[in-house]
Protein backbone atom coordinates (compact mmCIF):
# COMPACT_ATOMS: atom_id res chain seq x y z
CA MET A 1 76.16 47.66 123.07
CA ASP A 2 76.33 44.19 125.20
CA ALA A 3 79.66 41.94 124.97
CA THR A 4 78.37 39.90 121.93
CA GLY A 5 77.97 43.00 120.07
CA LYS A 6 81.52 44.02 120.65
CA LYS A 7 83.07 40.88 120.14
CA GLY A 8 81.19 40.27 116.89
CA GLU A 9 82.04 44.07 115.79
CA ASP A 10 85.96 43.38 116.66
CA ALA A 11 85.68 40.29 114.44
CA ALA A 12 83.85 41.73 111.90
CA CYS A 13 86.42 44.66 111.66
CA VAL A 14 89.69 42.60 112.19
CA TRP A 15 88.02 40.59 108.93
CA LEU A 16 87.02 43.35 106.86
CA VAL A 17 90.87 44.63 107.22
CA SER A 18 92.06 41.40 106.47
CA HIS A 19 90.22 41.48 103.29
CA GLY A 20 91.58 45.00 102.04
CA HIS A 21 89.23 47.26 103.48
CA THR A 22 90.33 50.08 106.15
CA VAL A 23 88.34 50.89 108.81
CA LEU A 24 87.19 54.83 108.88
CA GLU A 25 84.64 54.91 111.33
CA ARG A 26 83.34 52.38 114.29
CA ASN A 27 79.24 53.09 115.28
CA TRP A 28 79.29 56.63 113.45
CA ARG A 29 75.74 58.19 114.89
CA GLY A 30 73.87 60.47 112.60
CA GLY A 31 71.23 61.77 114.76
CA ARG A 32 69.27 58.59 115.78
CA CYS A 33 70.67 56.47 113.61
CA GLU A 34 74.10 54.12 113.88
CA ILE A 35 76.57 52.39 111.46
CA ASP A 36 78.43 49.69 112.85
CA ILE A 37 80.99 49.97 110.56
CA ILE A 38 82.18 52.30 107.64
CA THR A 39 85.20 51.14 105.54
CA ALA A 40 86.60 52.21 102.29
CA ASP A 41 88.42 49.95 99.84
CA GLY A 42 89.78 49.67 96.34
CA SER A 43 85.87 49.48 95.23
CA GLY A 44 84.63 52.37 96.75
CA LEU A 45 83.09 53.53 100.73
CA HIS A 46 81.14 50.60 102.65
CA PHE A 47 78.60 51.14 105.43
CA VAL A 48 78.84 47.65 107.52
CA GLU A 49 75.49 46.27 109.54
CA VAL A 50 77.14 44.00 111.88
CA LYS A 51 74.73 41.21 113.49
CA ALA A 52 75.94 39.00 116.06
CA ARG A 53 75.03 35.74 118.05
CA LYS A 54 76.17 33.33 120.46
CA ALA A 55 76.40 29.72 119.05
CA PRO A 56 73.64 28.28 118.49
CA ALA A 57 71.30 30.73 116.91
CA ALA A 58 68.14 30.12 116.45
CA ALA A 59 68.35 31.41 113.34
CA ASP A 60 70.26 33.41 110.59
CA PRO A 61 71.05 37.00 112.02
CA LEU A 62 70.66 38.53 108.65
CA VAL A 63 66.82 38.01 109.02
CA ASN A 64 67.22 41.30 111.82
CA VAL A 65 68.28 43.84 108.85
CA THR A 66 64.37 44.53 108.03
CA ALA A 67 63.49 46.67 105.98
CA SER A 68 62.78 49.45 108.47
CA LYS A 69 66.70 48.77 109.68
CA GLN A 70 67.54 49.61 106.02
CA LYS A 71 65.46 52.63 105.58
CA HIS A 72 67.60 53.78 109.13
CA LEU A 73 71.20 52.60 107.43
CA VAL A 74 70.15 54.52 104.10
CA LYS A 75 69.43 57.34 106.28
CA ALA A 76 72.49 57.73 108.46
CA ALA A 77 74.44 56.83 105.49
CA LEU A 78 73.29 60.23 104.07
CA GLN A 79 74.35 61.80 106.51
CA TYR A 80 77.51 60.69 106.93
CA LEU A 81 78.19 61.16 103.14
CA HIS A 82 76.69 65.27 103.33
CA SER A 83 79.10 65.19 106.44
CA GLY A 84 82.26 64.69 104.05
CA GLY A 85 81.75 67.65 101.76
CA ARG A 86 82.93 66.72 98.65
CA ARG A 87 85.06 63.62 100.00
CA PHE A 88 83.55 61.28 99.33
CA ALA A 89 81.19 62.68 95.76
CA ASP A 90 82.68 60.33 93.07
CA ALA A 91 82.84 57.30 95.72
CA GLU A 92 80.60 54.07 95.00
CA VAL A 93 78.41 53.46 98.12
CA TYR A 94 78.22 49.97 99.00
CA PHE A 95 75.44 48.86 101.90
CA ASP A 96 76.77 45.45 103.32
CA ILE A 97 76.04 42.60 106.10
CA ILE A 98 77.93 40.61 108.26
CA THR A 99 76.96 37.95 110.64
CA VAL A 100 79.06 36.55 113.22
CA ILE A 101 78.29 33.59 115.43
CA ILE A 102 80.47 33.61 118.43
CA GLY A 103 81.45 30.06 119.54
CA SER A 104 83.09 28.61 121.94
CA GLU A 105 86.19 27.97 119.87
CA THR A 106 85.06 28.77 116.93
CA THR A 107 83.61 32.33 115.26
CA TYR A 108 81.80 31.99 111.72
CA ILE A 109 81.69 35.20 109.88
CA GLN A 110 79.53 35.64 106.84
CA TYR A 111 79.82 38.59 104.60
CA TYR A 112 77.14 39.69 102.70
CA PRO A 113 78.35 42.27 100.38
CA GLN A 114 76.44 44.57 98.23
CA ALA A 115 73.18 43.27 100.67
CA PHE A 116 70.48 45.45 99.84
CA ILE A 117 69.88 48.64 97.14
CA PRO A 118 68.68 52.07 98.74
CA ILE A 119 65.02 52.20 98.76
CA TYR A 120 64.43 55.97 99.37
CA ASP A 121 60.64 56.96 99.91
């Protein structure tokens, strides 16, 4: 992971914690798939994809969470859920995205809760 990605994930974790989330995992790997951040809050379990860019960003980083990327996230999330045994059996599961634009003096964070609904093949 490059420095921008690390800064973005760090900023996303701080933001999530300040909004009531508990960070369970960072950069969790299940096979070839990775989940940037896994959190829990009062509503359930959140699988969070972080997209970070340096300002000025040419396009919204959200556009990089393609259908293919979503499928990889779902696959990794299923592996995570299965690895936890019955721990998460009743948890509501959400797929969230956070975009982070890192400027020279300010960092802009946009949170997209429930950004997509999983598609199963």
